């Protein structure tokens, strides 16, 4: 268990460092074990599109294969609010959804 925790912490730290220049700090949270985070170049493109759409903020979670679009990017806004930005396969914004309730995680 300790080895797994080390890998998870190391992976999160690597993502935070990699995303620091683009305002990306992706949280690792998957309640039912089915969410697949966006990775690689797709993460950078999806994050850029979502942040442009919201006018800034910080990417806090991502998902490939979201039910509302191909990609979902959760952005925490400067005022503390959260919005899920839905993108198609070409990283075009197809909608967004403000988060009304705080996450209990």
N, C-alpha and C. Protein backbone atom coordinates (compact mmCIF):
# COMPACT_ATOMS: atom_id res chain seq x y z
N UNK A 1 0.82 -1.18 0.00
CA UNK A 1 0.00 0.00 0.00
C UNK A 1 0.87 1.25 0.00
N UNK A 2 1.97 1.22 0.74
CA UNK A 2 2.84 2.37 0.81
C UNK A 2 3.44 2.69 -0.57
N UNK A 3 3.81 1.66 -1.33
CA UNK A 3 4.37 1.86 -2.65
C UNK A 3 3.35 2.52 -3.57
N UNK A 4 2.08 2.07 -3.50
CA UNK A 4 1.02 2.66 -4.33
C UNK A 4 0.82 4.12 -3.98
N UNK A 5 0.80 4.44 -2.69
CA UNK A 5 0.64 5.82 -2.25
C UNK A 5 1.78 6.68 -2.79
N UNK A 6 2.99 6.16 -2.74
CA UNK A 6 4.15 6.90 -3.26
C UNK A 6 3.99 7.17 -4.74
N UNK A 7 3.54 6.20 -5.50
CA UNK A 7 3.33 6.38 -6.94
C UNK A 7 2.25 7.42 -7.21
N UNK A 8 1.16 7.37 -6.45
CA UNK A 8 0.08 8.33 -6.65
C UNK A 8 0.55 9.74 -6.33
N UNK A 9 1.23 9.89 -5.20
CA UNK A 9 1.74 11.22 -4.83
C UNK A 9 2.73 11.71 -5.87
N UNK A 10 3.62 10.84 -6.30
CA UNK A 10 4.60 11.23 -7.32
C UNK A 10 3.94 11.62 -8.63
N UNK A 11 2.89 10.88 -9.02
CA UNK A 11 2.18 11.19 -10.26
C UNK A 11 1.47 12.52 -10.18
N UNK A 12 0.84 12.79 -9.06
CA UNK A 12 0.15 14.07 -8.88
C UNK A 12 1.16 15.21 -8.89
N UNK A 13 2.29 15.03 -8.22
CA UNK A 13 3.32 16.07 -8.21
C UNK A 13 3.85 16.32 -9.61
N UNK A 14 4.05 15.27 -10.38
CA UNK A 14 4.54 15.43 -11.75
C UNK A 14 3.54 16.20 -12.60
N UNK A 15 2.25 15.88 -12.46
CA UNK A 15 1.22 16.60 -13.20
C UNK A 15 1.18 18.07 -12.79
N UNK A 16 1.31 18.34 -11.51
CA UNK A 16 1.27 19.73 -11.03
C UNK A 16 2.44 20.51 -11.58
N UNK A 17 3.64 19.90 -11.59
CA UNK A 17 4.82 20.58 -12.12
C UNK A 17 4.69 20.77 -13.62
N UNK A 18 4.23 19.75 -14.33
CA UNK A 18 4.08 19.85 -15.78
C UNK A 18 3.05 20.89 -16.16
N UNK A 19 2.02 21.03 -15.37
CA UNK A 19 0.96 21.96 -15.69
C UNK A 19 1.14 23.35 -15.13
N UNK A 20 2.16 23.57 -14.32
CA UNK A 20 2.33 24.87 -13.66
C UNK A 20 2.40 26.03 -14.65
N UNK A 21 3.02 25.82 -15.79
CA UNK A 21 3.15 26.92 -16.75
C UNK A 21 1.85 27.20 -17.49
N UNK A 22 0.90 26.28 -17.48
CA UNK A 22 -0.36 26.50 -18.19
C UNK A 22 -1.55 26.64 -17.25
N UNK A 23 -1.31 26.71 -15.96
CA UNK A 23 -2.41 26.83 -15.01
C UNK A 23 -3.16 25.53 -14.83
N UNK A 24 -2.46 24.42 -14.98
CA UNK A 24 -3.10 23.12 -14.87
C UNK A 24 -2.57 22.41 -13.63
N UNK A 25 -3.45 22.03 -12.73
CA UNK A 25 -3.11 21.21 -11.57
C UNK A 25 -4.24 20.22 -11.41
N UNK A 26 -4.11 19.09 -12.05
CA UNK A 26 -5.21 18.14 -12.12
C UNK A 26 -5.27 17.31 -10.85
N UNK A 27 -6.43 17.27 -10.24
CA UNK A 27 -6.64 16.47 -9.04
C UNK A 27 -6.95 15.04 -9.43
N UNK A 28 -6.57 14.12 -8.58
CA UNK A 28 -6.87 12.72 -8.82
C UNK A 28 -8.08 12.36 -7.96
N UNK A 29 -9.24 12.26 -8.61
CA UNK A 29 -10.45 11.86 -7.89
C UNK A 29 -11.36 11.12 -8.85
N UNK A 30 -11.68 9.90 -8.49
CA UNK A 30 -12.52 9.06 -9.34
C UNK A 30 -13.35 8.18 -8.42
N UNK A 31 -14.55 8.65 -8.12
CA UNK A 31 -15.39 7.97 -7.15
C UNK A 31 -15.73 6.54 -7.52
N UNK A 32 -15.99 6.26 -8.79
CA UNK A 32 -16.43 4.92 -9.17
C UNK A 32 -15.39 4.14 -9.97
N UNK A 33 -14.21 4.68 -10.18
CA UNK A 33 -13.14 3.97 -10.86
C UNK A 33 -13.26 3.89 -12.36
N UNK A 34 -14.17 4.66 -12.97
CA UNK A 34 -14.35 4.57 -14.42
C UNK A 34 -13.82 5.78 -15.17
N UNK A 35 -13.53 6.86 -14.49
CA UNK A 35 -13.06 8.07 -15.18
C UNK A 35 -11.62 7.90 -15.65
N UNK A 36 -11.37 8.36 -16.88
CA UNK A 36 -10.03 8.34 -17.43
C UNK A 36 -9.58 9.79 -17.62
N UNK A 37 -8.51 10.21 -16.96
CA UNK A 37 -8.07 11.59 -17.11
C UNK A 37 -7.48 11.84 -18.50
N UNK A 38 -7.53 13.08 -18.92
CA UNK A 38 -6.89 13.48 -20.18
C UNK A 38 -5.40 13.53 -19.92
N UNK A 39 -4.60 13.07 -20.87
CA UNK A 39 -3.14 13.05 -20.70
C UNK A 39 -2.45 13.62 -21.93
N UNK A 40 -1.16 13.84 -21.80
CA UNK A 40 -0.30 14.23 -22.91
C UNK A 40 -0.69 15.54 -23.55
N UNK A 41 -0.50 15.61 -24.88
CA UNK A 41 -0.81 16.82 -25.64
C UNK A 41 -2.29 17.17 -25.56
N UNK A 42 -3.14 16.15 -25.47
CA UNK A 42 -4.58 16.39 -25.38
C UNK A 42 -4.91 17.17 -24.11
N UNK A 43 -4.21 16.88 -23.01
CA UNK A 43 -4.44 17.60 -21.76
C UNK A 43 -4.11 19.08 -21.93
N UNK A 44 -3.00 19.35 -22.58
CA UNK A 44 -2.60 20.74 -22.81
C UNK A 44 -3.62 21.47 -23.70
N UNK A 45 -4.04 20.83 -24.78
CA UNK A 45 -5.00 21.47 -25.69
C UNK A 45 -6.37 21.66 -25.04
N UNK A 46 -6.85 20.65 -24.33
CA UNK A 46 -8.14 20.75 -23.68
C UNK A 46 -8.12 21.81 -22.58
N UNK A 47 -7.04 21.86 -21.83
CA UNK A 47 -6.91 22.86 -20.76
C UNK A 47 -6.89 24.26 -21.32
N UNK A 48 -6.12 24.46 -22.39
CA UNK A 48 -6.04 25.77 -23.03
C UNK A 48 -7.42 26.22 -23.52
N UNK A 49 -8.13 25.33 -24.18
CA UNK A 49 -9.46 25.68 -24.69
C UNK A 49 -10.43 26.00 -23.56
N UNK A 50 -10.39 25.21 -22.48
CA UNK A 50 -11.30 25.44 -21.36
C UNK A 50 -10.99 26.75 -20.65
N UNK A 51 -9.71 27.03 -20.42
CA UNK A 51 -9.32 28.27 -19.74
C UNK A 51 -9.64 29.50 -20.59
N UNK A 52 -9.49 29.37 -21.90
CA UNK A 52 -9.87 30.47 -22.78
C UNK A 52 -11.38 30.71 -22.69
N UNK A 53 -12.14 29.64 -22.65
CA UNK A 53 -13.60 29.73 -22.58
C UNK A 53 -14.06 30.40 -21.27
N UNK A 54 -13.41 30.04 -20.17
CA UNK A 54 -13.81 30.57 -18.86
C UNK A 54 -13.17 31.92 -18.54
N UNK A 55 -12.20 32.31 -19.34
CA UNK A 55 -11.52 33.58 -19.07
C UNK A 55 -10.47 33.46 -17.97
N UNK A 56 -10.01 32.25 -17.71
CA UNK A 56 -8.97 32.03 -16.70
C UNK A 56 -9.43 31.06 -15.64
N UNK A 57 -8.56 30.87 -14.68
CA UNK A 57 -8.82 29.93 -13.60
C UNK A 57 -7.75 28.87 -13.56
N UNK A 58 -8.08 27.75 -12.92
CA UNK A 58 -7.14 26.64 -12.80
C UNK A 58 -7.85 25.34 -13.10
N UNK A 59 -7.25 24.53 -13.95
CA UNK A 59 -7.81 23.21 -14.27
C UNK A 59 -7.58 22.31 -13.06
N UNK A 60 -8.67 21.75 -12.54
CA UNK A 60 -8.57 20.92 -11.33
C UNK A 60 -8.94 19.47 -11.56
N UNK A 61 -9.53 19.14 -12.70
CA UNK A 61 -9.87 17.75 -13.00
C UNK A 61 -10.17 17.64 -14.49
N UNK A 62 -9.95 16.46 -15.04
CA UNK A 62 -10.26 16.23 -16.46
C UNK A 62 -10.80 14.82 -16.63
N UNK A 63 -11.49 14.61 -17.76
CA UNK A 63 -12.02 13.29 -18.06
C UNK A 63 -12.16 13.11 -19.57
N UNK A 64 -11.77 11.95 -20.06
CA UNK A 64 -11.98 11.56 -21.45
C UNK A 64 -13.24 10.71 -21.49
N UNK A 65 -14.06 10.90 -22.51
CA UNK A 65 -15.24 10.08 -22.67
C UNK A 65 -16.39 10.50 -21.78
N UNK A 66 -16.45 11.77 -21.49
CA UNK A 66 -17.53 12.31 -20.67
C UNK A 66 -18.86 12.16 -21.40
N UNK A 67 -19.95 12.01 -20.65
CA UNK A 67 -21.26 11.82 -21.28
C UNK A 67 -21.76 13.05 -22.03
N UNK A 68 -21.29 14.25 -21.69
CA UNK A 68 -21.73 15.46 -22.37
C UNK A 68 -20.82 15.87 -23.53
N UNK A 69 -19.69 15.24 -23.68
CA UNK A 69 -18.76 15.57 -24.75
C UNK A 69 -17.62 14.58 -24.74
N UNK A 70 -16.70 14.74 -25.65
CA UNK A 70 -15.56 13.83 -25.71
C UNK A 70 -14.62 14.07 -24.53
N UNK A 71 -14.41 15.36 -24.19
CA UNK A 71 -13.57 15.72 -23.05
C UNK A 71 -14.37 16.57 -22.07
N UNK A 72 -14.02 16.46 -20.80
CA UNK A 72 -14.56 17.36 -19.78
C UNK A 72 -13.38 17.92 -19.00
N UNK A 73 -13.37 19.25 -18.83
CA UNK A 73 -12.32 19.91 -18.07
C UNK A 73 -13.00 20.71 -16.96
N UNK A 74 -12.66 20.39 -15.72
CA UNK A 74 -13.19 21.15 -14.58
C UNK A 74 -12.24 22.30 -14.29
N UNK A 75 -12.80 23.51 -14.25
CA UNK A 75 -12.01 24.71 -13.98
C UNK A 75 -12.50 25.36 -12.70
N UNK A 76 -11.56 25.65 -11.79
CA UNK A 76 -11.87 26.44 -10.61
C UNK A 76 -11.57 27.88 -10.96
N UNK A 77 -12.57 28.71 -10.87
CA UNK A 77 -12.46 30.12 -11.25
C UNK A 77 -11.79 30.92 -10.15
N UNK A 78 -11.26 32.10 -10.48
CA UNK A 78 -10.60 32.93 -9.47
C UNK A 78 -11.49 33.26 -8.27
N UNK A 79 -12.82 33.29 -8.47
CA UNK A 79 -13.74 33.60 -7.37
C UNK A 79 -14.09 32.36 -6.54
N UNK A 80 -13.50 31.20 -6.88
CA UNK A 80 -13.74 29.97 -6.14
C UNK A 80 -14.82 29.09 -6.74
N UNK A 81 -15.60 29.63 -7.68
CA UNK A 81 -16.62 28.83 -8.34
C UNK A 81 -15.98 27.80 -9.25
N UNK A 82 -16.74 26.79 -9.61
CA UNK A 82 -16.25 25.75 -10.52
C UNK A 82 -17.18 25.61 -11.71
N UNK A 83 -16.61 25.29 -12.85
CA UNK A 83 -17.39 25.06 -14.05
C UNK A 83 -16.78 23.88 -14.80
N UNK A 84 -17.64 22.99 -15.29
CA UNK A 84 -17.21 21.89 -16.15
C UNK A 84 -17.37 22.35 -17.59
N UNK A 85 -16.27 22.30 -18.34
CA UNK A 85 -16.30 22.70 -19.74
C UNK A 85 -16.25 21.42 -20.57
N UNK A 86 -17.22 21.29 -21.49
CA UNK A 86 -17.32 20.10 -22.34
C UNK A 86 -16.79 20.43 -23.73
N UNK A 87 -15.93 19.55 -24.24
CA UNK A 87 -15.27 19.75 -25.53
C UNK A 87 -15.51 18.56 -26.43
N UNK A 88 -15.48 18.82 -27.75
CA UNK A 88 -15.56 17.70 -28.69
C UNK A 88 -14.15 17.17 -28.96
N UNK A 89 -14.01 16.22 -29.87
CA UNK A 89 -12.72 15.60 -30.16
C UNK A 89 -11.70 16.57 -30.75
N UNK A 90 -12.17 17.70 -31.30
CA UNK A 90 -11.28 18.71 -31.88
C UNK A 90 -10.99 19.84 -30.90
N UNK A 91 -11.35 19.66 -29.62
CA UNK A 91 -11.12 20.63 -28.56
C UNK A 91 -11.94 21.90 -28.73
N UNK A 92 -13.08 21.77 -29.39
CA UNK A 92 -14.02 22.88 -29.53
C UNK A 92 -15.01 22.80 -28.37
N UNK A 93 -15.23 23.93 -27.70
CA UNK A 93 -16.16 23.96 -26.59
C UNK A 93 -17.57 23.74 -27.11
N UNK A 94 -18.27 22.77 -26.54
CA UNK A 94 -19.65 22.49 -26.95
C UNK A 94 -20.64 22.82 -25.83
N UNK A 95 -20.13 23.21 -24.67
CA UNK A 95 -21.00 23.60 -23.58
C UNK A 95 -20.24 23.70 -22.27
N UNK A 96 -20.91 24.23 -21.27
CA UNK A 96 -20.33 24.26 -19.93
C UNK A 96 -21.43 24.10 -18.90
N UNK A 97 -21.02 23.77 -17.70
CA UNK A 97 -21.96 23.47 -16.63
C UNK A 97 -21.38 23.95 -15.30
N UNK A 98 -21.94 25.03 -14.75
CA UNK A 98 -21.45 25.50 -13.45
C UNK A 98 -21.73 24.46 -12.36
N UNK A 99 -20.81 24.32 -11.44
CA UNK A 99 -20.99 23.42 -10.30
C UNK A 99 -21.64 24.20 -9.18
N UNK A 100 -22.83 23.79 -8.77
CA UNK A 100 -23.56 24.51 -7.73
C UNK A 100 -23.17 24.06 -6.33
N UNK A 101 -22.89 22.78 -6.16
CA UNK A 101 -22.60 22.25 -4.84
C UNK A 101 -21.12 22.01 -4.67
N UNK A 102 -20.57 22.33 -3.49
CA UNK A 102 -19.15 22.03 -3.24
C UNK A 102 -18.92 20.54 -3.21
N UNK A 103 -17.73 20.12 -3.64
CA UNK A 103 -17.35 18.71 -3.63
C UNK A 103 -17.04 18.28 -2.21
N UNK A 104 -17.57 17.15 -1.77
CA UNK A 104 -17.36 16.68 -0.39
C UNK A 104 -16.11 15.86 -0.22
N UNK A 105 -15.27 15.72 -1.26
CA UNK A 105 -14.06 14.88 -1.18
C UNK A 105 -13.08 15.47 -0.26
